[in-house]
């Protein structure tokens, strides 16, 4: 988050306030959303294994991706992949 604030030439707190005001979510929530969207694209468009997808999307491993994926979408990554194709 500090890297984003530095790039925007503002304080972290100012960035967080403006971000929440305009998007109605925190920067960390948006980063997590973006990581999941990236994982979904990779699941739908590639044959890469879950570990590779997890690392590419910013998760430490396939297990963590699976936990976060299921919590947010209600299905497993492999279930999503099957349905998306």
PDB file of N, CA and C in Angstrom:
ATOM      1  N   UNK A   1       0.837  -1.191   0.000  1.00  0.00           N
ATOM      2  CA  UNK A   1       0.000   0.000   0.000  1.00  0.00           C
ATOM      3  C   UNK A   1       0.882   1.256   0.000  1.00  0.00           C
ATOM      4  N   UNK A   2       1.973   1.194   0.728  1.00  0.00           N
ATOM      5  CA  UNK A   2       2.861   2.360   0.768  1.00  0.00           C
ATOM      6  C   UNK A   2       3.445   2.643  -0.615  1.00  0.00           C
ATOM      7  N   UNK A   3       3.745   1.617  -1.386  1.00  0.00           N
ATOM      8  CA  UNK A   3       4.252   1.823  -2.747  1.00  0.00           C
ATOM      9  C   UNK A   3       3.225   2.559  -3.609  1.00  0.00           C
ATOM     10  N   UNK A   4       1.958   2.226  -3.433  1.00  0.00           N
ATOM     11  CA  UNK A   4       0.889   2.890  -4.188  1.00  0.00           C
ATOM     12  C   UNK A   4       0.790   4.348  -3.759  1.00  0.00           C
ATOM     13  N   UNK A   5       0.855   4.589  -2.447  1.00  0.00           N
ATOM     14  CA  UNK A   5       0.800   5.961  -1.938  1.00  0.00           C
ATOM     15  C   UNK A   5       1.981   6.778  -2.459  1.00  0.00           C
ATOM     16  N   UNK A   6       3.152   6.175  -2.472  1.00  0.00           N
ATOM     17  CA  UNK A   6       4.328   6.878  -2.993  1.00  0.00           C
ATOM     18  C   UNK A   6       4.147   7.220  -4.469  1.00  0.00           C
ATOM     19  N   UNK A   7       3.634   6.282  -5.243  1.00  0.00           N
ATOM     20  CA  UNK A   7       3.416   6.525  -6.671  1.00  0.00           C
ATOM     21  C   UNK A   7       2.366   7.609  -6.898  1.00  0.00           C
ATOM     22  N   UNK A   8       1.402   7.718  -5.991  1.00  0.00           N
ATOM     23  CA  UNK A   8       0.353   8.730  -6.097  1.00  0.00           C
ATOM     24  C   UNK A   8       0.765  10.053  -5.459  1.00  0.00           C
ATOM     25  N   UNK A   9       1.955  10.093  -4.900  1.00  0.00           N
ATOM     26  CA  UNK A   9       2.485  11.299  -4.241  1.00  0.00           C
ATOM     27  C   UNK A   9       1.559  11.823  -3.149  1.00  0.00           C
ATOM     28  N   UNK A  10       1.116  10.914  -2.297  1.00  0.00           N
ATOM     29  CA  UNK A  10       0.295  11.321  -1.161  1.00  0.00           C
ATOM     30  C   UNK A  10       0.599  10.395   0.011  1.00  0.00           C
ATOM     31  N   UNK A  11       0.087  10.756   1.166  1.00  0.00           N
ATOM     32  CA  UNK A  11       0.311   9.912   2.338  1.00  0.00           C
ATOM     33  C   UNK A  11      -0.553   8.657   2.242  1.00  0.00           C
ATOM     34  N   UNK A  12      -0.142   7.656   2.961  1.00  0.00           N
ATOM     35  CA  UNK A  12      -0.905   6.397   2.972  1.00  0.00           C
ATOM     36  C   UNK A  12      -2.326   6.645   3.479  1.00  0.00           C
ATOM     37  N   UNK A  13      -2.439   7.417   4.540  1.00  0.00           N
ATOM     38  CA  UNK A  13      -3.759   7.690   5.127  1.00  0.00           C
ATOM     39  C   UNK A  13      -4.664   8.433   4.138  1.00  0.00           C
ATOM     40  N   UNK A  14      -4.134   9.416   3.438  1.00  0.00           N
ATOM     41  CA  UNK A  14      -4.921  10.152   2.438  1.00  0.00           C
ATOM     42  C   UNK A  14      -5.372   9.220   1.333  1.00  0.00           C
ATOM     43  N   UNK A  15      -4.456   8.400   0.869  1.00  0.00           N
ATOM     44  CA  UNK A  15      -4.804   7.438  -0.174  1.00  0.00           C
ATOM     45  C   UNK A  15      -5.906   6.498   0.299  1.00  0.00           C
ATOM     46  N   UNK A  16      -5.775   5.967   1.501  1.00  0.00           N
ATOM     47  CA  UNK A  16      -6.784   5.043   2.034  1.00  0.00           C
ATOM     48  C   UNK A  16      -8.153   5.714   2.158  1.00  0.00           C
ATOM     49  N   UNK A  17      -8.170   6.948   2.643  1.00  0.00           N
ATOM     50  CA  UNK A  17      -9.439   7.671   2.779  1.00  0.00           C
ATOM     51  C   UNK A  17     -10.106   7.896   1.428  1.00  0.00           C
ATOM     52  N   UNK A  18      -9.340   8.379   0.454  1.00  0.00           N
ATOM     53  CA  UNK A  18      -9.896   8.646  -0.876  1.00  0.00           C
ATOM     54  C   UNK A  18     -10.333   7.357  -1.558  1.00  0.00           C
ATOM     55  N   UNK A  19      -9.555   6.321  -1.384  1.00  0.00           N
ATOM     56  CA  UNK A  19      -9.880   5.038  -1.994  1.00  0.00           C
ATOM     57  C   UNK A  19     -11.218   4.524  -1.455  1.00  0.00           C
ATOM     58  N   UNK A  20     -11.359   4.542  -0.131  1.00  0.00           N
ATOM     59  CA  UNK A  20     -12.604   4.059   0.478  1.00  0.00           C
ATOM     60  C   UNK A  20     -13.786   4.944   0.081  1.00  0.00           C
ATOM     61  N   UNK A  21     -13.579   6.243   0.038  1.00  0.00           N
ATOM     62  CA  UNK A  21     -14.650   7.171  -0.345  1.00  0.00           C
ATOM     63  C   UNK A  21     -15.124   6.892  -1.768  1.00  0.00           C
ATOM     64  N   UNK A  22     -14.193   6.705  -2.684  1.00  0.00           N
ATOM     65  CA  UNK A  22     -14.560   6.552  -4.093  1.00  0.00           C
ATOM     66  C   UNK A  22     -14.979   5.131  -4.479  1.00  0.00           C
ATOM     67  N   UNK A  23     -14.331   4.132  -3.909  1.00  0.00           N
ATOM     68  CA  UNK A  23     -14.621   2.748  -4.310  1.00  0.00           C
ATOM     69  C   UNK A  23     -15.394   1.937  -3.273  1.00  0.00           C
ATOM     70  N   UNK A  24     -15.578   2.519  -2.091  1.00  0.00           N
ATOM     71  CA  UNK A  24     -16.329   1.879  -1.023  1.00  0.00           C
ATOM     72  C   UNK A  24     -15.708   0.554  -0.555  1.00  0.00           C
ATOM     73  N   UNK A  25     -14.401   0.470  -0.663  1.00  0.00           N
ATOM     74  CA  UNK A  25     -13.656  -0.663  -0.120  1.00  0.00           C
ATOM     75  C   UNK A  25     -12.227  -0.196   0.148  1.00  0.00           C
ATOM     76  N   UNK A  26     -11.529  -0.955   0.970  1.00  0.00           N
ATOM     77  CA  UNK A  26     -10.149  -0.589   1.304  1.00  0.00           C
ATOM     78  C   UNK A  26      -9.208  -0.989   0.169  1.00  0.00           C
ATOM     79  N   UNK A  27      -8.016  -0.453   0.239  1.00  0.00           N
ATOM     80  CA  UNK A  27      -7.001  -0.805  -0.750  1.00  0.00           C
ATOM     81  C   UNK A  27      -6.681  -2.286  -0.654  1.00  0.00           C
ATOM     82  N   UNK A  28      -6.559  -2.804   0.559  1.00  0.00           N
ATOM     83  CA  UNK A  28      -6.269  -4.228   0.724  1.00  0.00           C
ATOM     84  C   UNK A  28      -7.398  -5.102   0.180  1.00  0.00           C
ATOM     85  N   UNK A  29      -8.632  -4.683   0.361  1.00  0.00           N
ATOM     86  CA  UNK A  29      -9.759  -5.431  -0.221  1.00  0.00           C
ATOM     87  C   UNK A  29      -9.676  -5.428  -1.743  1.00  0.00           C
ATOM     88  N   UNK A  30      -9.295  -4.301  -2.310  1.00  0.00           N
ATOM     89  CA  UNK A  30      -9.167  -4.212  -3.766  1.00  0.00           C
ATOM     90  C   UNK A  30      -8.015  -5.062  -4.268  1.00  0.00           C
ATOM     91  N   UNK A  31      -6.905  -5.055  -3.570  1.00  0.00           N
ATOM     92  CA  UNK A  31      -5.782  -5.898  -3.966  1.00  0.00           C
ATOM     93  C   UNK A  31      -6.174  -7.376  -3.930  1.00  0.00           C
ATOM     94  N   UNK A  32      -6.897  -7.782  -2.894  1.00  0.00           N
ATOM     95  CA  UNK A  32      -7.353  -9.171  -2.801  1.00  0.00           C
ATOM     96  C   UNK A  32      -8.323  -9.493  -3.936  1.00  0.00           C
ATOM     97  N   UNK A  33      -9.196  -8.554  -4.262  1.00  0.00           N
ATOM     98  CA  UNK A  33     -10.145  -8.756  -5.357  1.00  0.00           C
ATOM     99  C   UNK A  33      -9.402  -8.916  -6.679  1.00  0.00           C
ATOM    100  N   UNK A  34      -8.400  -8.082  -6.892  1.00  0.00           N
ATOM    101  CA  UNK A  34      -7.611  -8.163  -8.121  1.00  0.00           C
ATOM    102  C   UNK A  34      -6.850  -9.484  -8.216  1.00  0.00           C
ATOM    103  N   UNK A  35      -6.314  -9.959  -7.095  1.00  0.00           N
ATOM    104  CA  UNK A  35      -5.607 -11.251  -7.101  1.00  0.00           C
ATOM    105  C   UNK A  35      -6.559 -12.382  -7.475  1.00  0.00           C
ATOM    106  N   UNK A  36      -7.766 -12.351  -6.924  1.00  0.00           N
ATOM    107  CA  UNK A  36      -8.749 -13.394  -7.256  1.00  0.00           C
ATOM    108  C   UNK A  36      -9.171 -13.318  -8.715  1.00  0.00           C
ATOM    109  N   UNK A  37      -9.381 -12.130  -9.223  1.00  0.00           N
ATOM    110  CA  UNK A  37      -9.758 -11.976 -10.633  1.00  0.00           C
ATOM    111  C   UNK A  37      -8.658 -12.494 -11.557  1.00  0.00           C
ATOM    112  N   UNK A  38      -7.427 -12.223 -11.195  1.00  0.00           N
ATOM    113  CA  UNK A  38      -6.295 -12.717 -11.988  1.00  0.00           C
ATOM    114  C   UNK A  38      -6.274 -14.250 -11.961  1.00  0.00           C
ATOM    115  N   UNK A  39      -6.467 -14.826 -10.786  1.00  0.00           N
ATOM    116  CA  UNK A  39      -6.506 -16.289 -10.667  1.00  0.00           C
ATOM    117  C   UNK A  39      -7.647 -16.859 -11.506  1.00  0.00           C
ATOM    118  N   UNK A  40      -8.799 -16.221 -11.484  1.00  0.00           N
ATOM    119  CA  UNK A  40      -9.934 -16.697 -12.286  1.00  0.00           C
ATOM    120  C   UNK A  40      -9.616 -16.670 -13.775  1.00  0.00           C
ATOM    121  N   UNK A  41      -8.982 -15.587 -14.230  1.00  0.00           N
ATOM    122  CA  UNK A  41      -8.600 -15.516 -15.650  1.00  0.00           C
ATOM    123  C   UNK A  41      -7.656 -16.646 -16.018  1.00  0.00           C
ATOM    124  N   UNK A  42      -6.667 -16.883 -15.163  1.00  0.00           N
ATOM    125  CA  UNK A  42      -5.708 -17.949 -15.434  1.00  0.00           C
ATOM    126  C   UNK A  42      -6.378 -19.324 -15.412  1.00  0.00           C
ATOM    127  N   UNK A  43      -7.291 -19.520 -14.498  1.00  0.00           N
ATOM    128  CA  UNK A  43      -8.012 -20.798 -14.436  1.00  0.00           C
ATOM    129  C   UNK A  43      -8.829 -21.022 -15.706  1.00  0.00           C
ATOM    130  N   UNK A  44      -9.461 -19.982 -16.183  1.00  0.00           N
ATOM    131  CA  UNK A  44     -10.330 -20.101 -17.356  1.00  0.00           C
ATOM    132  C   UNK A  44      -9.553 -20.183 -18.663  1.00  0.00           C
ATOM    133  N   UNK A  45      -8.381 -19.555 -18.715  1.00  0.00           N
ATOM    134  CA  UNK A  45      -7.691 -19.401 -19.997  1.00  0.00           C
ATOM    135  C   UNK A  45      -6.429 -20.240 -20.161  1.00  0.00           C
ATOM    136  N   UNK A  46      -5.966 -20.880 -19.087  1.00  0.00           N
ATOM    137  CA  UNK A  46      -4.729 -21.665 -19.202  1.00  0.00           C
ATOM    138  C   UNK A  46      -4.922 -23.057 -18.624  1.00  0.00           C
ATOM    139  N   UNK A  47      -3.933 -23.891 -18.873  1.00  0.00           N
ATOM    140  CA  UNK A  47      -3.900 -25.225 -18.281  1.00  0.00           C
ATOM    141  C   UNK A  47      -2.880 -25.291 -17.148  1.00  0.00           C
ATOM    142  N   UNK A  48      -2.432 -24.149 -16.676  1.00  0.00           N
ATOM    143  CA  UNK A  48      -1.436 -24.097 -15.610  1.00  0.00           C
ATOM    144  C   UNK A  48      -1.958 -24.784 -14.355  1.00  0.00           C
ATOM    145  N   UNK A  49      -1.036 -25.383 -13.599  1.00  0.00           N
ATOM    146  CA  UNK A  49      -1.445 -26.041 -12.355  1.00  0.00           C
ATOM    147  C   UNK A  49      -1.752 -24.994 -11.291  1.00  0.00           C
ATOM    148  N   UNK A  50      -2.440 -25.417 -10.230  1.00  0.00           N
ATOM    149  CA  UNK A  50      -2.893 -24.484  -9.193  1.00  0.00           C
ATOM    150  C   UNK A  50      -1.739 -23.792  -8.473  1.00  0.00           C
ATOM    151  N   UNK A  51      -0.636 -24.490  -8.247  1.00  0.00           N
ATOM    152  CA  UNK A  51       0.500 -23.831  -7.593  1.00  0.00           C
ATOM    153  C   UNK A  51       1.030 -22.680  -8.435  1.00  0.00           C
ATOM    154  N   UNK A  52       1.153 -22.888  -9.734  1.00  0.00           N
ATOM    155  CA  UNK A  52       1.642 -21.828 -10.622  1.00  0.00           C
ATOM    156  C   UNK A  52       0.672 -20.657 -10.654  1.00  0.00           C
ATOM    157  N   UNK A  53      -0.607 -20.959 -10.730  1.00  0.00           N
ATOM    158  CA  UNK A  53      -1.630 -19.908 -10.742  1.00  0.00           C
ATOM    159  C   UNK A  53      -1.610 -19.143  -9.429  1.00  0.00           C
ATOM    160  N   UNK A  54      -1.509 -19.869  -8.317  1.00  0.00           N
ATOM    161  CA  UNK A  54      -1.488 -19.221  -7.005  1.00  0.00           C
ATOM    162  C   UNK A  54      -0.324 -18.241  -6.910  1.00  0.00           C
ATOM    163  N   UNK A  55       0.857 -18.686  -7.270  1.00  0.00           N
ATOM    164  CA  UNK A  55       2.032 -17.811  -7.198  1.00  0.00           C
ATOM    165  C   UNK A  55       1.901 -16.615  -8.137  1.00  0.00           C
ATOM    166  N   UNK A  56       1.402 -16.852  -9.334  1.00  0.00           N
ATOM    167  CA  UNK A  56       1.237 -15.766 -10.303  1.00  0.00           C
ATOM    168  C   UNK A  56       0.230 -14.726  -9.820  1.00  0.00           C
ATOM    169  N   UNK A  57      -0.763 -15.173  -9.076  1.00  0.00           N
ATOM    170  CA  UNK A  57      -1.807 -14.267  -8.599  1.00  0.00           C
ATOM    171  C   UNK A  57      -1.489 -13.657  -7.233  1.00  0.00           C
ATOM    172  N   UNK A  58      -0.329 -13.992  -6.669  1.00  0.00           N
ATOM    173  CA  UNK A  58       0.075 -13.368  -5.418  1.00  0.00           C
ATOM    174  C   UNK A  58      -0.263 -14.149  -4.164  1.00  0.00           C
ATOM    175  N   UNK A  59      -0.612 -15.412  -4.302  1.00  0.00           N
ATOM    176  CA  UNK A  59      -0.877 -16.268  -3.149  1.00  0.00           C
ATOM    177  C   UNK A  59       0.365 -17.108  -2.873  1.00  0.00           C
ATOM    178  N   UNK A  60       0.593 -17.487  -1.613  1.00  0.00           N
ATOM    179  CA  UNK A  60       1.803 -18.251  -1.306  1.00  0.00           C
ATOM    180  C   UNK A  60       1.804 -19.675  -1.882  1.00  0.00           C
ATOM    181  N   UNK A  61       0.611 -20.256  -2.003  1.00  0.00           N
ATOM    182  CA  UNK A  61       0.528 -21.622  -2.528  1.00  0.00           C
ATOM    183  C   UNK A  61      -0.913 -21.947  -2.924  1.00  0.00           C
ATOM    184  N   UNK A  62      -1.103 -23.119  -3.518  1.00  0.00           N
ATOM    185  CA  UNK A  62      -2.429 -23.523  -4.002  1.00  0.00           C
ATOM    186  C   UNK A  62      -3.429 -23.680  -2.858  1.00  0.00           C
ATOM    187  N   UNK A  63      -2.958 -24.108  -1.720  1.00  0.00           N
ATOM    188  CA  UNK A  63      -3.864 -24.290  -0.576  1.00  0.00           C
ATOM    189  C   UNK A  63      -4.494 -22.965  -0.163  1.00  0.00           C
ATOM    190  N   UNK A  64      -3.682 -21.927  -0.062  1.00  0.00           N
ATOM    191  CA  UNK A  64      -4.205 -20.607   0.331  1.00  0.00           C
ATOM    192  C   UNK A  64      -5.141 -20.056  -0.739  1.00  0.00           C
ATOM    193  N   UNK A  65      -4.769 -20.231  -1.995  1.00  0.00           N
ATOM    194  CA  UNK A  65      -5.655 -19.814  -3.090  1.00  0.00           C
ATOM    195  C   UNK A  65      -7.003 -20.512  -2.959  1.00  0.00           C
ATOM    196  N   UNK A  66      -6.987 -21.805  -2.709  1.00  0.00           N
ATOM    197  CA  UNK A  66      -8.233 -22.571  -2.602  1.00  0.00           C
ATOM    198  C   UNK A  66      -9.111 -22.085  -1.462  1.00  0.00           C
ATOM    199  N   UNK A  67      -8.492 -21.803  -0.312  1.00  0.00           N
ATOM    200  CA  UNK A  67      -9.253 -21.310   0.843  1.00  0.00           C
ATOM    201  C   UNK A  67      -9.907 -19.972   0.529  1.00  0.00           C
ATOM    202  N   UNK A  68      -9.130 -19.038   0.003  1.00  0.00           N
ATOM    203  CA  UNK A  68      -9.649 -17.700  -0.305  1.00  0.00           C
ATOM    204  C   UNK A  68     -10.672 -17.776  -1.437  1.00  0.00           C
ATOM    205  N   UNK A  69     -10.397 -18.588  -2.431  1.00  0.00           N
ATOM    206  CA  UNK A  69     -11.295 -18.725  -3.574  1.00  0.00           C
ATOM    207  C   UNK A  69     -12.664 -19.235  -3.128  1.00  0.00           C
ATOM    208  N   UNK A  70     -12.654 -20.307  -2.323  1.00  0.00           N
ATOM    209  CA  UNK A  70     -13.918 -20.887  -1.857  1.00  0.00           C
ATOM    210  C   UNK A  70     -14.685 -19.910  -0.964  1.00  0.00           C
ATOM    211  N   UNK A  71     -13.970 -19.214  -0.098  1.00  0.00           N
ATOM    212  CA  UNK A  71     -14.614 -18.253   0.802  1.00  0.00           C
ATOM    213  C   UNK A  71     -15.292 -17.131   0.017  1.00  0.00           C
ATOM    214  N   UNK A  72     -14.677 -16.698  -1.079  1.00  0.00           N
ATOM    215  CA  UNK A  72     -15.215 -15.575  -1.839  1.00  0.00           C
ATOM    216  C   UNK A  72     -16.185 -15.960  -2.939  1.00  0.00           C
ATOM    217  N   UNK A  73     -16.050 -17.148  -3.495  1.00  0.00           N
ATOM    218  CA  UNK A  73     -16.910 -17.506  -4.620  1.00  0.00           C
ATOM    219  C   UNK A  73     -17.851 -18.670  -4.330  1.00  0.00           C
ATOM    220  N   UNK A  74     -17.597 -19.397  -3.246  1.00  0.00           N
ATOM    221  CA  UNK A  74     -18.459 -20.521  -2.904  1.00  0.00           C
ATOM    222  C   UNK A  74     -18.146 -21.794  -3.686  1.00  0.00           C
ATOM    223  N   UNK A  75     -17.056 -21.795  -4.442  1.00  0.00           N
ATOM    224  CA  UNK A  75     -16.667 -23.002  -5.175  1.00  0.00           C
ATOM    225  C   UNK A  75     -15.150 -23.135  -5.177  1.00  0.00           C
ATOM    226  N   UNK A  76     -14.683 -24.306  -5.539  1.00  0.00           N
ATOM    227  CA  UNK A  76     -13.250 -24.548  -5.588  1.00  0.00           C
ATOM    228  C   UNK A  76     -12.674 -23.991  -6.887  1.00  0.00           C
ATOM    229  N   UNK A  77     -11.373 -23.757  -6.915  1.00  0.00           N
ATOM    230  CA  UNK A  77     -10.763 -23.324  -8.165  1.00  0.00           C
ATOM    231  C   UNK A  77     -10.979 -24.328  -9.304  1.00  0.00           C
ATOM    232  N   UNK A  78     -10.859 -25.611  -9.012  1.00  0.00           N
ATOM    233  CA  UNK A  78     -11.053 -26.610 -10.081  1.00  0.00           C
ATOM    234  C   UNK A  78     -12.509 -26.650 -10.540  1.00  0.00           C
ATOM    235  N   UNK A  79     -13.447 -26.461  -9.616  1.00  0.00           N
ATOM    236  CA  UNK A  79     -14.854 -26.375 -10.000  1.00  0.00           C
ATOM    237  C   UNK A  79     -15.119 -25.174 -10.894  1.00  0.00           C
ATOM    238  N   UNK A  80     -14.502 -24.047 -10.544  1.00  0.00           N
ATOM    239  CA  UNK A  80     -14.628 -22.857 -11.378  1.00  0.00           C
ATOM    240  C   UNK A  80     -14.037 -23.100 -12.765  1.00  0.00           C
ATOM    241  N   UNK A  81     -12.863 -23.722 -12.796  1.00  0.00           N
ATOM    242  CA  UNK A  81     -12.209 -23.995 -14.083  1.00  0.00           C
ATOM    243  C   UNK A  81     -13.100 -24.860 -14.967  1.00  0.00           C
ATOM    244  N   UNK A  82     -13.674 -25.889 -14.405  1.00  0.00           N
ATOM    245  CA  UNK A  82     -14.555 -26.778 -15.187  1.00  0.00           C
ATOM    246  C   UNK A  82     -15.768 -26.024 -15.730  1.00  0.00           C
ATOM    247  N   UNK A  83     -16.341 -25.203 -14.904  1.00  0.00           N
ATOM    248  CA  UNK A  83     -17.527 -24.441 -15.296  1.00  0.00           C
ATOM    249  C   UNK A  83     -17.191 -23.348 -16.313  1.00  0.00           C
ATOM    250  N   UNK A  84     -15.992 -22.747 -16.195  1.00  0.00           N
ATOM    251  CA  UNK A  84     -15.618 -21.629 -17.060  1.00  0.00           C
ATOM    252  C   UNK A  84     -15.241 -22.068 -18.470  1.00  0.00           C
ATOM    253  N   UNK A  85     -14.981 -23.319 -18.645  1.00  0.00           N
ATOM    254  CA  UNK A  85     -14.537 -23.787 -19.969  1.00  0.00           C
ATOM    255  C   UNK A  85     -15.657 -24.353 -20.718  1.00  0.00           C
TER     256      UNK A  85
END
